[in-house]
Amino acid sequence: MAGAGPVHVIGATGRSGLALCHALGAAGRPVVPVVRSLSRWQATGMTYPARVADLCDDTGRLRAALADATSIILTAHARHLPAVLAAAPETARIVALGSTRIFTRWPDAHGRGVMDGARAFARSGRDGVLLHPTMIYGATGEDNVRRLAALMRRLPVLPLPGGGTSRIQPIWQGDVTRALLAAMDRRWDGPHSMVIAGGDQVTYRDFTRQVALAAGLRPRPVVSLPGWLLMGAARLHLPGLPRIAPAEVRRLMEDKIFDITPMRTQLGLAPTPLAAGLEHTFAHPG
């Protein structure tokens, strides 16, 4: 990997941050976790000494935590990029996680926060890259495919807006970690932006089928319902069923397909097939 110093991981107790810390440790790379809660970091069982800083209102402590940083990976929400840019040494390489939610027809607070971070990064002139993943599955504690499997365990049929014909391109957490490592290894001239996604483009209907099979379930027949009806139903929390927000239902009604040629050529990353990623996910409960 580029650079000889440790990697400062901001958001090290989050799903992507913790997976990254494990991978860096396995590669023998020193890690400096930057976290908001020391007790939460200690609960992970990892032994790297952490530095505490609150990204929302603790600029002084964040600057101190990053004072010796040469390589910084931000796995917390990209809305914190302005604070990280203000606190980080000018020579530090920065890799951050954004989200393809910035491309949605229905922007929300999450997407707008990523856009704010992306604009700040583009104006900064700093060396590095902002990686925009599609829906991530397979992380410890994630609730995308596991929640879907839990829903199918309770329902004989699966109601989907428009019959689940919209296409998605989910990415396995292991590939997100590999992308972060590859991005840290690459020398960037100025700020860059890149989508990272899985290699399989599938309809949501087919995605539910593959999730069911990986979870050891019989694929559920799909019932096509209007999106507005399902969004209204999502506002009701029925006992025994996983909670689904209306905004999540609405996002099921648009295609989320992206060109991953830059990911392949610049990061040298061939994404894990969806079936293999799902098999690994359900073979290793988290």
Protein backbone atom coordinates (compact mmCIF):
# COMPACT_ATOMS: atom_id res chain seq x y z
CA MET A 1 0.00 0.00 0.00
CA ALA A 2 1.13 3.56 -0.71
CA GLY A 3 2.79 5.28 2.19
CA ALA A 4 4.59 3.80 5.14
CA GLY A 5 2.60 5.26 8.01
CA PRO A 6 -0.53 4.02 9.72
CA VAL A 7 -4.00 4.44 8.28
CA HIS A 8 -6.30 6.72 10.25
CA VAL A 9 -9.80 5.18 10.02
CA ILE A 10 -12.58 7.62 10.92
CA GLY A 11 -15.77 5.81 11.86
CA ALA A 12 -13.92 2.65 12.88
CA THR A 13 -16.85 1.25 14.89
CA GLY A 14 -19.25 1.38 11.94
CA ARG A 15 -19.88 -1.60 9.68
CA SER A 16 -17.54 -0.60 6.87
CA GLY A 17 -15.02 0.93 9.27
CA LEU A 18 -14.75 -2.16 11.43
CA ALA A 19 -14.45 -4.45 8.40
CA LEU A 20 -11.68 -2.21 7.10
CA CYS A 21 -9.80 -2.27 10.42
CA HIS A 22 -9.88 -6.08 10.41
CA ALA A 23 -8.55 -6.15 6.83
CA LEU A 24 -5.79 -3.65 7.58
CA GLY A 25 -4.78 -5.65 10.63
CA ALA A 26 -4.70 -8.86 8.63
CA ALA A 27 -2.41 -7.14 6.13
CA GLY A 28 -0.07 -6.01 8.91
CA ARG A 29 -0.83 -2.34 8.37
CA PRO A 30 -0.87 -0.12 11.49
CA VAL A 31 -4.28 1.39 12.22
CA VAL A 32 -5.27 4.52 14.13
CA PRO A 33 -9.01 4.26 14.85
CA VAL A 34 -10.74 7.64 15.24
CA VAL A 35 -14.04 7.10 17.04
CA ARG A 36 -16.72 9.02 18.88
CA SER A 37 -17.20 6.41 21.62
CA LEU A 38 -14.19 4.77 23.23
CA SER A 39 -16.35 2.20 25.02
CA ARG A 40 -17.97 1.15 21.76
CA TRP A 41 -14.54 0.69 20.20
CA GLN A 42 -13.33 -1.36 23.15
CA ALA A 43 -16.41 -3.57 22.80
CA THR A 44 -15.25 -4.64 19.32
CA GLY A 45 -12.36 -6.55 20.91
CA MET A 46 -9.78 -4.89 18.67
CA THR A 47 -6.65 -3.72 20.46
CA TYR A 48 -5.50 -0.71 18.44
CA PRO A 49 -5.38 2.38 20.70
CA ALA A 50 -8.20 4.64 19.56
CA ARG A 51 -8.37 8.41 19.41
CA VAL A 52 -11.65 10.05 20.36
CA ALA A 53 -13.20 12.89 18.38
CA ASP A 54 -16.76 13.94 17.62
CA LEU A 55 -17.13 14.81 13.96
CA CYS A 56 -20.11 17.04 14.63
CA ASP A 57 -18.71 19.54 17.11
CA ASP A 58 -15.16 18.65 18.13
CA THR A 59 -12.86 20.22 15.52
CA GLY A 60 -10.02 20.68 17.98
CA ARG A 61 -9.91 17.04 19.03
CA LEU A 62 -10.32 15.90 15.43
CA ARG A 63 -7.36 18.03 14.38
CA ALA A 64 -5.31 16.53 17.21
CA ALA A 65 -6.39 12.99 16.27
CA LEU A 66 -5.27 13.55 12.67
CA ALA A 67 -2.15 15.61 13.35
CA ASP A 68 0.27 12.88 12.22
CA ALA A 69 -1.98 11.37 9.52
CA THR A 70 -0.63 10.56 6.07
CA SER A 71 -3.50 8.29 4.96
CA ILE A 72 -7.07 8.92 6.10
CA ILE A 73 -10.11 6.77 5.32
CA LEU A 74 -13.49 8.24 6.23
CA THR A 75 -16.10 5.49 6.59
CA ALA A 76 -18.52 7.67 8.55
CA HIS A 77 -21.13 9.65 6.61
CA ALA A 78 -19.65 11.82 3.86
CA ARG A 79 -21.41 14.88 5.26
CA HIS A 80 -18.45 14.99 7.66
CA LEU A 81 -15.94 15.51 4.83
CA PRO A 82 -15.77 19.31 5.34
CA ALA A 83 -14.76 18.80 8.98
CA VAL A 84 -12.19 16.16 8.03
CA LEU A 85 -10.74 18.38 5.29
CA ALA A 86 -10.43 21.26 7.74
CA ALA A 87 -8.68 19.11 10.36
CA ALA A 88 -6.45 16.89 8.22
CA PRO A 89 -2.83 17.75 7.33
CA GLU A 90 -2.53 19.22 3.84
CA THR A 91 -0.37 16.33 2.64
CA ALA A 92 -2.64 13.52 3.84
CA ARG A 93 -4.26 11.30 1.19
CA ILE A 94 -8.01 11.02 1.76
CA VAL A 95 -10.35 8.19 0.81
CA ALA A 96 -14.00 8.47 1.79
CA LEU A 97 -17.27 6.59 1.38
CA GLY A 98 -20.21 8.38 -0.18
CA SER A 99 -23.34 6.79 -1.64
CA THR A 100 -25.02 6.34 -5.00
CA ARG A 101 -28.10 7.75 -3.31
CA ILE A 102 -26.90 11.11 -4.66
CA PHE A 103 -28.18 9.95 -8.06
CA THR A 104 -31.75 9.22 -6.94
CA ARG A 105 -34.78 11.04 -8.30
CA TRP A 106 -35.92 11.48 -4.71
CA PRO A 107 -33.06 13.08 -2.73
CA ASP A 108 -33.26 12.80 1.04
CA ALA A 109 -31.19 14.11 3.94
CA HIS A 110 -28.71 11.25 3.54
CA GLY A 111 -28.13 12.00 -0.14
CA ARG A 112 -27.97 15.76 0.37
CA GLY A 113 -25.36 15.26 3.07
CA VAL A 114 -23.25 13.18 0.68
CA MET A 115 -23.61 15.90 -1.97
CA ASP A 116 -22.42 18.53 0.49
CA GLY A 117 -19.37 16.42 1.28
CA ALA A 118 -18.70 15.75 -2.41
CA ARG A 119 -18.80 19.46 -3.26
CA ALA A 120 -16.44 20.29 -0.40
CA PHE A 121 -14.04 17.56 -1.50
CA ALA A 122 -14.11 18.68 -5.15
CA ARG A 123 -13.32 22.27 -4.12
CA SER A 124 -10.55 21.22 -1.74
CA GLY A 125 -8.00 20.20 -4.37
CA ARG A 126 -6.90 17.44 -1.99
CA ASP A 127 -5.44 14.16 -3.27
CA GLY A 128 -7.84 11.27 -2.86
CA VAL A 129 -11.13 9.77 -3.92
CA LEU A 130 -14.75 9.67 -2.80
CA LEU A 131 -16.17 6.20 -3.44
CA HIS A 132 -19.93 5.92 -3.97
CA PRO A 133 -21.16 2.38 -3.21
CA THR A 134 -24.52 1.01 -4.24
CA MET A 135 -26.55 -0.92 -1.66
CA ILE A 136 -24.04 -2.72 0.57
CA TYR A 137 -24.88 -6.18 1.87
CA GLY A 138 -23.00 -8.73 3.92
CA ALA A 139 -21.52 -6.55 6.66
CA THR A 140 -21.71 -7.64 10.28
CA GLY A 141 -24.98 -6.25 11.59
CA GLU A 142 -26.31 -5.08 8.21
CA ASP A 143 -30.06 -5.18 7.74
CA ASN A 144 -30.54 -5.26 3.99
CA VAL A 145 -30.59 -8.91 2.91
CA ARG A 146 -31.12 -10.24 6.44
CA ARG A 147 -34.20 -8.08 6.92
CA LEU A 148 -35.50 -9.18 3.52
CA ALA A 149 -34.96 -12.82 4.48
CA ALA A 150 -36.76 -12.20 7.78
CA LEU A 151 -39.69 -10.72 5.87
CA MET A 152 -39.87 -13.73 3.55
CA ARG A 153 -39.85 -16.09 6.53
CA ARG A 154 -43.12 -14.50 7.66
CA LEU A 155 -44.93 -13.84 4.38
CA PRO A 156 -46.21 -16.45 1.91
CA VAL A 157 -46.03 -13.90 -0.91
CA LEU A 158 -43.89 -10.79 -1.37
CA PRO A 159 -45.63 -7.51 -2.30
CA LEU A 160 -43.36 -5.33 -4.44
CA PRO A 161 -44.00 -2.02 -6.21
CA GLY A 162 -44.44 -2.62 -9.92
CA GLY A 163 -43.74 -6.31 -9.43
CA GLY A 164 -40.09 -5.70 -8.53
CA THR A 165 -38.97 -5.00 -12.10
CA SER A 166 -36.60 -2.16 -11.20
CA ARG A 167 -32.95 -3.15 -11.49
CA ILE A 168 -30.31 -2.96 -8.78
CA GLN A 169 -26.58 -3.64 -8.53
CA PRO A 170 -25.75 -4.44 -4.88
CA ILE A 171 -22.16 -4.71 -3.70
CA TRP A 172 -20.82 -7.16 -1.13
CA GLN A 173 -19.13 -5.66 1.94
CA GLY A 174 -15.95 -7.59 1.20
CA ASP A 175 -15.69 -5.75 -2.12
CA VAL A 176 -16.26 -2.39 -0.43
CA THR A 177 -13.32 -3.17 1.86
CA ARG A 178 -11.18 -4.23 -1.10
CA ALA A 179 -12.10 -1.02 -2.91
CA LEU A 180 -11.07 1.10 0.09
CA LEU A 181 -7.74 -0.72 0.33
CA ALA A 182 -7.09 -0.40 -3.41
CA ALA A 183 -7.99 3.29 -3.34
CA MET A 184 -5.59 3.84 -0.47
CA ASP A 185 -2.88 2.09 -2.45
CA ARG A 186 -3.35 4.30 -5.50
CA ARG A 187 -1.75 7.70 -5.90
CA TRP A 188 -4.39 10.31 -6.72
CA ASP A 189 -3.70 13.66 -8.31
CA GLY A 190 -6.35 15.94 -6.87
CA PRO A 191 -9.88 14.95 -5.81
CA HIS A 192 -11.68 12.15 -7.66
CA SER A 193 -15.10 10.49 -7.47
CA MET A 194 -15.99 6.90 -8.38
CA VAL A 195 -18.97 4.55 -8.18
CA ILE A 196 -18.32 1.09 -6.76
CA ALA A 197 -20.97 -1.56 -7.39
CA GLY A 198 -21.52 -5.26 -7.88
CA GLY A 199 -21.08 -6.87 -11.25
CA ASP A 200 -24.59 -8.39 -11.38
CA GLN A 201 -27.45 -6.22 -12.60
CA VAL A 202 -30.66 -7.87 -11.45
CA THR A 203 -34.29 -6.98 -11.01
CA TYR A 204 -35.41 -6.63 -7.43
CA ARG A 205 -37.70 -9.61 -8.01
CA ASP A 206 -34.73 -11.79 -8.95
CA PHE A 207 -32.73 -10.35 -6.06
CA THR A 208 -35.37 -11.55 -3.59
CA ARG A 209 -35.23 -14.98 -5.19
CA GLN A 210 -31.44 -15.19 -4.78
CA VAL A 211 -31.67 -13.97 -1.17
CA ALA A 212 -34.28 -16.62 -0.40
CA LEU A 213 -32.17 -19.41 -1.86
CA ALA A 214 -29.04 -18.26 0.02
CA ALA A 215 -31.05 -18.12 3.25
CA GLY A 216 -32.38 -21.64 2.74
CA LEU A 217 -35.91 -20.47 1.95
CA ARG A 218 -38.35 -21.18 -0.83
CA PRO A 219 -38.49 -18.12 -3.12
CA ARG A 220 -41.73 -16.24 -2.49
CA PRO A 221 -44.18 -15.45 -5.30
CA VAL A 222 -44.21 -11.71 -6.02
CA VAL A 223 -47.43 -9.71 -5.93
CA SER A 224 -47.34 -6.45 -7.88
CA LEU A 225 -48.85 -3.52 -5.97
CA PRO A 226 -48.84 0.24 -6.57
CA GLY A 227 -45.94 2.03 -4.93
CA TRP A 228 -48.23 4.53 -3.19
CA LEU A 229 -50.14 1.70 -1.53
CA LEU A 230 -46.99 0.01 -0.24
CA MET A 231 -45.60 3.34 0.97
CA GLY A 232 -48.77 3.89 2.94
CA ALA A 233 -48.61 0.38 4.38
CA ALA A 234 -44.98 0.94 5.37
CA ARG A 235 -46.13 3.65 7.78
CA LEU A 236 -47.87 0.93 9.77
CA HIS A 237 -45.64 -1.28 11.89
CA LEU A 238 -47.21 -4.70 11.96
CA PRO A 239 -46.13 -6.96 14.84
CA GLY A 240 -43.66 -9.63 13.85
CA LEU A 241 -42.60 -7.95 10.59
CA PRO A 242 -39.36 -6.01 10.03
CA ARG A 243 -39.85 -2.25 9.86
CA ILE A 244 -39.57 -0.76 6.35
CA ALA A 245 -39.62 2.99 5.78
CA PRO A 246 -41.78 4.53 3.03
CA ALA A 247 -38.65 6.06 1.49
CA GLU A 248 -37.18 2.57 1.12
CA VAL A 249 -40.25 1.45 -0.79
CA ARG A 250 -40.00 4.48 -3.08
CA ARG A 251 -36.36 3.73 -3.88
CA LEU A 252 -37.46 0.29 -5.08
CA MET A 253 -39.25 2.01 -7.95
CA GLU A 254 -36.17 3.28 -9.78
CA ASP A 255 -33.30 1.58 -11.59
CA LYS A 256 -29.95 1.83 -9.79
CA ILE A 257 -27.49 0.68 -12.47
CA PHE A 258 -23.99 2.10 -12.88
CA ASP A 259 -20.90 1.76 -15.05
CA ILE A 260 -18.15 0.07 -13.02
CA THR A 261 -15.44 0.29 -15.67
CA PRO A 262 -13.49 2.89 -13.60
CA MET A 263 -13.66 0.58 -10.57
CA ARG A 264 -12.30 -2.29 -12.62
CA THR A 265 -9.55 -0.32 -14.39
CA GLN A 266 -8.42 2.14 -11.72
CA LEU A 267 -8.83 -0.05 -8.65
CA GLY A 268 -8.22 -3.40 -10.36
CA LEU A 269 -11.32 -4.76 -8.66
CA ALA A 270 -13.47 -7.55 -10.09
CA PRO A 271 -16.63 -7.66 -7.96
CA THR A 272 -17.77 -10.84 -6.27
CA PRO A 273 -20.75 -12.49 -8.03
CA LEU A 274 -24.02 -11.83 -6.21
CA ALA A 275 -24.72 -15.53 -5.57
CA ALA A 276 -21.28 -15.99 -3.98
CA GLY A 277 -21.63 -12.87 -1.83
CA LEU A 278 -25.04 -13.94 -0.59
CA GLU A 279 -23.82 -17.46 0.14
CA HIS A 280 -20.99 -16.03 2.24
CA THR A 281 -23.37 -13.64 3.99
CA PHE A 282 -25.75 -16.34 5.20
CA ALA A 283 -22.93 -18.80 5.97
CA HIS A 284 -21.46 -16.25 8.41
CA PRO A 285 -24.34 -14.81 10.47
CA GLY A 286 -23.54 -11.37 11.85
